[in-house]
Amino acid sequence: MRKTRRLLAIVLCAVFLLGVLSGCGSQQQSSEPTVTEKTIVDMADVEVKVPGEVKTVVNLWPSSNELMLCLGAGDYLVGTMDFVKHLPWVNAVYPKIKDVPAMEVNAEELLEVDPDLIITANADDAAMLREAGLCAVTLMFNDYDSMEKATLILGDILGGEHEEKADELVEYL
């Protein structure tokens, strides 16, 4: 009788463990649809369709490069301005900036890189790049209020944790 109880206890434990372990490998399908693109309004008040997931950015404005670093998105940079590569603060917080190619507003060069997004400070440059088939936004700011707005737009574009960091940064400032 005692052996039967022990055997029954072992079998029940094994069945329980199998049930628990089999649940560990199951995956549930997300009910949220994947966003392939979204529309944002940039700092020039232009509606721009941007990819739902941005992972490569050419940033052609020094201040928005610094915003990207504040949001933890330095690794998204696949191009920047040469000037940015020599800023002591940028080099201190993101030493890999030295490996990011220096670029200018040149549609042919940018088409070769084919980034998900190009950030400029000039609305005319952004419009010209969009006409060439590139995704470009203007994130120029020149005062505190417009800096907050640009930060939130950048967070929205980058999404996920970067959007949360943008909200936190604006709240902190």
C-alpha atoms as a PDB file:
ATOM      1  CA  MET A   1       0.000   0.000   0.000  1.00  0.00           C
ATOM      2  CA  ARG A   2       2.800   2.355   0.905  1.00  0.00           C
ATOM      3  CA  LYS A   3       4.612   1.598  -2.365  1.00  0.00           C
ATOM      4  CA  THR A   4       1.411   2.256  -4.288  1.00  0.00           C
ATOM      5  CA  ARG A   5       0.987   5.672  -2.679  1.00  0.00           C
ATOM      6  CA  ARG A   6       4.607   6.551  -3.356  1.00  0.00           C
ATOM      7  CA  LEU A   7       4.285   5.429  -6.975  1.00  0.00           C
ATOM      8  CA  LEU A   8       1.029   7.367  -7.334  1.00  0.00           C
ATOM      9  CA  ALA A   9       2.676  10.488  -5.865  1.00  0.00           C
ATOM     10  CA  ILE A  10       5.608  10.187  -8.281  1.00  0.00           C
ATOM     11  CA  VAL A  11       3.286   9.706 -11.254  1.00  0.00           C
ATOM     12  CA  LEU A  12       1.155  12.697 -10.229  1.00  0.00           C
ATOM     13  CA  CYS A  13       4.267  14.871  -9.802  1.00  0.00           C
ATOM     14  CA  ALA A  14       5.534  13.779 -13.209  1.00  0.00           C
ATOM     15  CA  VAL A  15       2.187  14.568 -14.843  1.00  0.00           C
ATOM     16  CA  PHE A  16       2.107  17.947 -13.101  1.00  0.00           C
ATOM     17  CA  LEU A  17       5.662  18.777 -14.225  1.00  0.00           C
ATOM     18  CA  LEU A  18       4.914  17.715 -17.793  1.00  0.00           C
ATOM     19  CA  GLY A  19       1.881  19.978 -17.812  1.00  0.00           C
ATOM     20  CA  VAL A  20       3.874  22.926 -16.501  1.00  0.00           C
ATOM     21  CA  LEU A  21       6.808  22.358 -18.819  1.00  0.00           C
ATOM     22  CA  SER A  22       4.666  21.893 -21.900  1.00  0.00           C
ATOM     23  CA  GLY A  23       3.077  25.278 -21.228  1.00  0.00           C
ATOM     24  CA  CYS A  24       6.495  26.956 -21.196  1.00  0.00           C
ATOM     25  CA  GLY A  25       7.031  26.384 -24.881  1.00  0.00           C
ATOM     26  CA  SER A  26       3.679  27.564 -26.118  1.00  0.00           C
ATOM     27  CA  GLN A  27       3.466  30.878 -27.911  1.00  0.00           C
ATOM     28  CA  GLN A  28       0.427  33.022 -28.203  1.00  0.00           C
ATOM     29  CA  GLN A  29      -0.275  35.013 -31.309  1.00  0.00           C
ATOM     30  CA  SER A  30      -0.353  38.730 -30.682  1.00  0.00           C
ATOM     31  CA  SER A  31      -3.729  40.224 -31.388  1.00  0.00           C
ATOM     32  CA  GLU A  32      -2.084  43.566 -32.185  1.00  0.00           C
ATOM     33  CA  PRO A  33      -1.544  44.086 -35.900  1.00  0.00           C
ATOM     34  CA  THR A  34       1.947  44.929 -37.100  1.00  0.00           C
ATOM     35  CA  VAL A  35       2.140  48.561 -38.110  1.00  0.00           C
ATOM     36  CA  THR A  36       3.909  48.831 -41.450  1.00  0.00           C
ATOM     37  CA  GLU A  37       3.790  52.612 -41.541  1.00  0.00           C
ATOM     38  CA  LYS A  38       2.362  55.529 -39.646  1.00  0.00           C
ATOM     39  CA  THR A  39       1.795  59.175 -40.376  1.00  0.00           C
ATOM     40  CA  ILE A  40       3.461  61.833 -38.272  1.00  0.00           C
ATOM     41  CA  VAL A  41       3.459  65.610 -38.517  1.00  0.00           C
ATOM     42  CA  ASP A  42       7.015  66.920 -38.484  1.00  0.00           C
ATOM     43  CA  MET A  43       8.277  70.267 -37.191  1.00  0.00           C
ATOM     44  CA  ALA A  44       7.497  71.925 -40.539  1.00  0.00           C
ATOM     45  CA  ASP A  45       3.845  70.868 -40.099  1.00  0.00           C
ATOM     46  CA  VAL A  46       4.172  68.381 -42.957  1.00  0.00           C
ATOM     47  CA  GLU A  47       2.418  65.021 -42.763  1.00  0.00           C
ATOM     48  CA  VAL A  48       4.993  62.317 -43.469  1.00  0.00           C
ATOM     49  CA  LYS A  49       4.480  58.575 -43.724  1.00  0.00           C
ATOM     50  CA  VAL A  50       7.251  56.836 -41.791  1.00  0.00           C
ATOM     51  CA  PRO A  51       7.932  53.113 -41.372  1.00  0.00           C
ATOM     52  CA  GLY A  52       6.185  51.469 -38.448  1.00  0.00           C
ATOM     53  CA  GLU A  53       9.580  50.218 -37.319  1.00  0.00           C
ATOM     54  CA  VAL A  54      12.572  52.510 -37.800  1.00  0.00           C
ATOM     55  CA  LYS A  55      15.966  50.881 -37.249  1.00  0.00           C
ATOM     56  CA  THR A  56      18.303  52.897 -39.505  1.00  0.00           C
ATOM     57  CA  VAL A  57      18.562  56.684 -39.424  1.00  0.00           C
ATOM     58  CA  VAL A  58      20.696  59.252 -41.188  1.00  0.00           C
ATOM     59  CA  ASN A  59      20.559  62.286 -38.942  1.00  0.00           C
ATOM     60  CA  LEU A  60      21.638  65.506 -40.618  1.00  0.00           C
ATOM     61  CA  TRP A  61      21.074  67.901 -37.759  1.00  0.00           C
ATOM     62  CA  PRO A  62      23.386  68.032 -34.709  1.00  0.00           C
ATOM     63  CA  SER A  63      20.738  68.703 -32.066  1.00  0.00           C
ATOM     64  CA  SER A  64      18.514  65.850 -33.158  1.00  0.00           C
ATOM     65  CA  ASN A  65      21.556  63.545 -33.099  1.00  0.00           C
ATOM     66  CA  GLU A  66      21.913  64.449 -29.442  1.00  0.00           C
ATOM     67  CA  LEU A  67      18.209  63.789 -28.877  1.00  0.00           C
ATOM     68  CA  MET A  68      18.612  60.341 -30.421  1.00  0.00           C
ATOM     69  CA  LEU A  69      21.433  59.612 -27.997  1.00  0.00           C
ATOM     70  CA  CYS A  70      19.318  60.808 -25.068  1.00  0.00           C
ATOM     71  CA  LEU A  71      16.605  58.387 -26.180  1.00  0.00           C
ATOM     72  CA  GLY A  72      19.070  55.495 -26.403  1.00  0.00           C
ATOM     73  CA  ALA A  73      18.883  55.197 -30.188  1.00  0.00           C
ATOM     74  CA  GLY A  74      22.520  55.819 -31.103  1.00  0.00           C
ATOM     75  CA  ASP A  75      22.865  52.386 -32.665  1.00  0.00           C
ATOM     76  CA  TYR A  76      20.228  53.346 -35.243  1.00  0.00           C
ATOM     77  CA  LEU A  77      22.578  55.934 -36.763  1.00  0.00           C
ATOM     78  CA  VAL A  78      23.921  54.885 -40.161  1.00  0.00           C
ATOM     79  CA  GLY A  79      24.900  58.416 -41.124  1.00  0.00           C
ATOM     80  CA  THR A  80      25.461  61.764 -39.450  1.00  0.00           C
ATOM     81  CA  MET A  81      27.129  65.109 -40.048  1.00  0.00           C
ATOM     82  CA  ASP A  82      30.901  65.324 -39.771  1.00  0.00           C
ATOM     83  CA  PHE A  83      30.472  68.135 -37.231  1.00  0.00           C
ATOM     84  CA  VAL A  84      28.616  65.794 -34.864  1.00  0.00           C
ATOM     85  CA  LYS A  85      31.469  63.289 -34.893  1.00  0.00           C
ATOM     86  CA  HIS A  86      33.737  65.907 -33.275  1.00  0.00           C
ATOM     87  CA  LEU A  87      31.459  67.042 -30.459  1.00  0.00           C
ATOM     88  CA  PRO A  88      33.063  66.079 -27.122  1.00  0.00           C
ATOM     89  CA  TRP A  89      29.719  65.338 -25.432  1.00  0.00           C
ATOM     90  CA  VAL A  90      28.598  63.055 -28.244  1.00  0.00           C
ATOM     91  CA  ASN A  91      31.906  61.181 -28.175  1.00  0.00           C
ATOM     92  CA  ALA A  92      31.676  60.820 -24.401  1.00  0.00           C
ATOM     93  CA  VAL A  93      28.181  59.315 -24.393  1.00  0.00           C
ATOM     94  CA  TYR A  94      28.403  57.424 -27.681  1.00  0.00           C
ATOM     95  CA  PRO A  95      32.011  56.524 -28.591  1.00  0.00           C
ATOM     96  CA  LYS A  96      30.784  54.538 -31.624  1.00  0.00           C
ATOM     97  CA  ILE A  97      29.926  57.857 -33.311  1.00  0.00           C
ATOM     98  CA  LYS A  98      33.420  57.822 -34.822  1.00  0.00           C
ATOM     99  CA  ASP A  99      32.381  54.768 -36.869  1.00  0.00           C
ATOM    100  CA  VAL A 100      29.203  56.366 -38.241  1.00  0.00           C
ATOM    101  CA  PRO A 101      29.760  57.678 -41.783  1.00  0.00           C
ATOM    102  CA  ALA A 102      29.671  61.444 -42.274  1.00  0.00           C
ATOM    103  CA  MET A 103      27.017  62.475 -44.777  1.00  0.00           C
ATOM    104  CA  GLU A 104      25.400  65.514 -46.314  1.00  0.00           C
ATOM    105  CA  VAL A 105      22.064  66.265 -47.922  1.00  0.00           C
ATOM    106  CA  ASN A 106      22.788  64.392 -51.134  1.00  0.00           C
ATOM    107  CA  ALA A 107      19.932  62.296 -52.479  1.00  0.00           C
ATOM    108  CA  GLU A 108      22.168  59.983 -54.545  1.00  0.00           C
ATOM    109  CA  GLU A 109      24.441  59.222 -51.592  1.00  0.00           C
ATOM    110  CA  LEU A 110      21.473  58.723 -49.279  1.00  0.00           C
ATOM    111  CA  LEU A 111      19.702  56.441 -51.765  1.00  0.00           C
ATOM    112  CA  GLU A 112      22.765  54.167 -51.653  1.00  0.00           C
ATOM    113  CA  VAL A 113      22.533  53.946 -47.857  1.00  0.00           C
ATOM    114  CA  ASP A 114      18.725  53.537 -48.015  1.00  0.00           C
ATOM    115  CA  PRO A 115      17.971  54.366 -44.368  1.00  0.00           C
ATOM    116  CA  ASP A 116      14.521  53.914 -42.877  1.00  0.00           C
ATOM    117  CA  LEU A 117      14.518  57.616 -41.985  1.00  0.00           C
ATOM    118  CA  ILE A 118      16.445  60.818 -42.663  1.00  0.00           C
ATOM    119  CA  ILE A 119      16.230  63.698 -40.199  1.00  0.00           C
ATOM    120  CA  THR A 120      16.959  67.230 -41.361  1.00  0.00           C
ATOM    121  CA  ALA A 121      16.670  70.727 -39.958  1.00  0.00           C
ATOM    122  CA  ASN A 122      15.486  72.163 -43.256  1.00  0.00           C
ATOM    123  CA  ALA A 123      11.998  71.626 -44.670  1.00  0.00           C
ATOM    124  CA  ASP A 124      13.176  72.178 -48.258  1.00  0.00           C
ATOM    125  CA  ASP A 125      15.857  69.497 -47.873  1.00  0.00           C
ATOM    126  CA  ALA A 126      13.317  67.067 -46.434  1.00  0.00           C
ATOM    127  CA  ALA A 127      10.900  67.765 -49.305  1.00  0.00           C
ATOM    128  CA  MET A 128      13.647  67.227 -51.896  1.00  0.00           C
ATOM    129  CA  LEU A 129      14.636  63.924 -50.277  1.00  0.00           C
ATOM    130  CA  ARG A 130      11.012  62.750 -50.177  1.00  0.00           C
ATOM    131  CA  GLU A 131      10.693  63.594 -53.882  1.00  0.00           C
ATOM    132  CA  ALA A 132      13.716  61.335 -54.467  1.00  0.00           C
ATOM    133  CA  GLY A 133      11.846  58.493 -52.764  1.00  0.00           C
ATOM    134  CA  LEU A 134      13.410  58.719 -49.314  1.00  0.00           C
ATOM    135  CA  CYS A 135      11.622  59.050 -45.983  1.00  0.00           C
ATOM    136  CA  ALA A 136      12.677  62.413 -44.555  1.00  0.00           C
ATOM    137  CA  VAL A 137      11.360  64.546 -41.716  1.00  0.00           C
ATOM    138  CA  THR A 138      12.198  67.977 -40.379  1.00  0.00           C
ATOM    139  CA  LEU A 139      12.920  68.073 -36.647  1.00  0.00           C
ATOM    140  CA  MET A 140      14.279  71.621 -36.380  1.00  0.00           C
ATOM    141  CA  PHE A 141      13.703  73.335 -33.058  1.00  0.00           C
ATOM    142  CA  ASN A 142      14.893  76.677 -31.762  1.00  0.00           C
ATOM    143  CA  ASP A 143      13.342  77.108 -28.331  1.00  0.00           C
ATOM    144  CA  TYR A 144      12.274  75.064 -25.341  1.00  0.00           C
ATOM    145  CA  ASP A 145       8.706  74.417 -26.491  1.00  0.00           C
ATOM    146  CA  SER A 146       9.747  73.323 -29.967  1.00  0.00           C
ATOM    147  CA  MET A 147      12.485  71.121 -28.464  1.00  0.00           C
ATOM    148  CA  GLU A 148       9.831  69.332 -26.394  1.00  0.00           C
ATOM    149  CA  LYS A 149       7.681  68.872 -29.486  1.00  0.00           C
ATOM    150  CA  ALA A 150      10.616  67.566 -31.570  1.00  0.00           C
ATOM    151  CA  THR A 151      11.549  65.150 -28.778  1.00  0.00           C
ATOM    152  CA  LEU A 152       8.027  63.739 -28.670  1.00  0.00           C
ATOM    153  CA  ILE A 153       7.870  63.437 -32.469  1.00  0.00           C
ATOM    154  CA  LEU A 154      11.197  61.593 -32.511  1.00  0.00           C
ATOM    155  CA  GLY A 155       9.990  59.295 -29.736  1.00  0.00           C
ATOM    156  CA  ASP A 156       6.811  58.602 -31.701  1.00  0.00           C
ATOM    157  CA  ILE A 157       8.797  57.794 -34.840  1.00  0.00           C
ATOM    158  CA  LEU A 158      11.227  55.475 -33.044  1.00  0.00           C
ATOM    159  CA  GLY A 159       8.470  53.912 -30.930  1.00  0.00           C
ATOM    160  CA  GLY A 160       8.661  51.435 -28.060  1.00  0.00           C
ATOM    161  CA  GLU A 161      11.123  52.209 -25.300  1.00  0.00           C
ATOM    162  CA  HIS A 162      12.296  55.314 -27.164  1.00  0.00           C
ATOM    163  CA  GLU A 163       8.812  56.788 -27.036  1.00  0.00           C
ATOM    164  CA  GLU A 164       8.707  56.135 -23.293  1.00  0.00           C
ATOM    165  CA  LYS A 165      12.126  57.762 -22.859  1.00  0.00           C
ATOM    166  CA  ALA A 166      10.973  60.794 -24.862  1.00  0.00           C
ATOM    167  CA  ASP A 167       7.976  61.183 -22.567  1.00  0.00           C
ATOM    168  CA  GLU A 168      10.224  60.856 -19.505  1.00  0.00           C
ATOM    169  CA  LEU A 169      12.735  63.353 -20.878  1.00  0.00           C
ATOM    170  CA  VAL A 170      10.065  65.947 -21.629  1.00  0.00           C
ATOM    171  CA  GLU A 171       8.537  65.427 -18.193  1.00  0.00           C
ATOM    172  CA  TYR A 172      11.971  65.809 -16.584  1.00  0.00           C
ATOM    173  CA  LEU A 173      12.767  69.002 -18.467  1.00  0.00           C
END
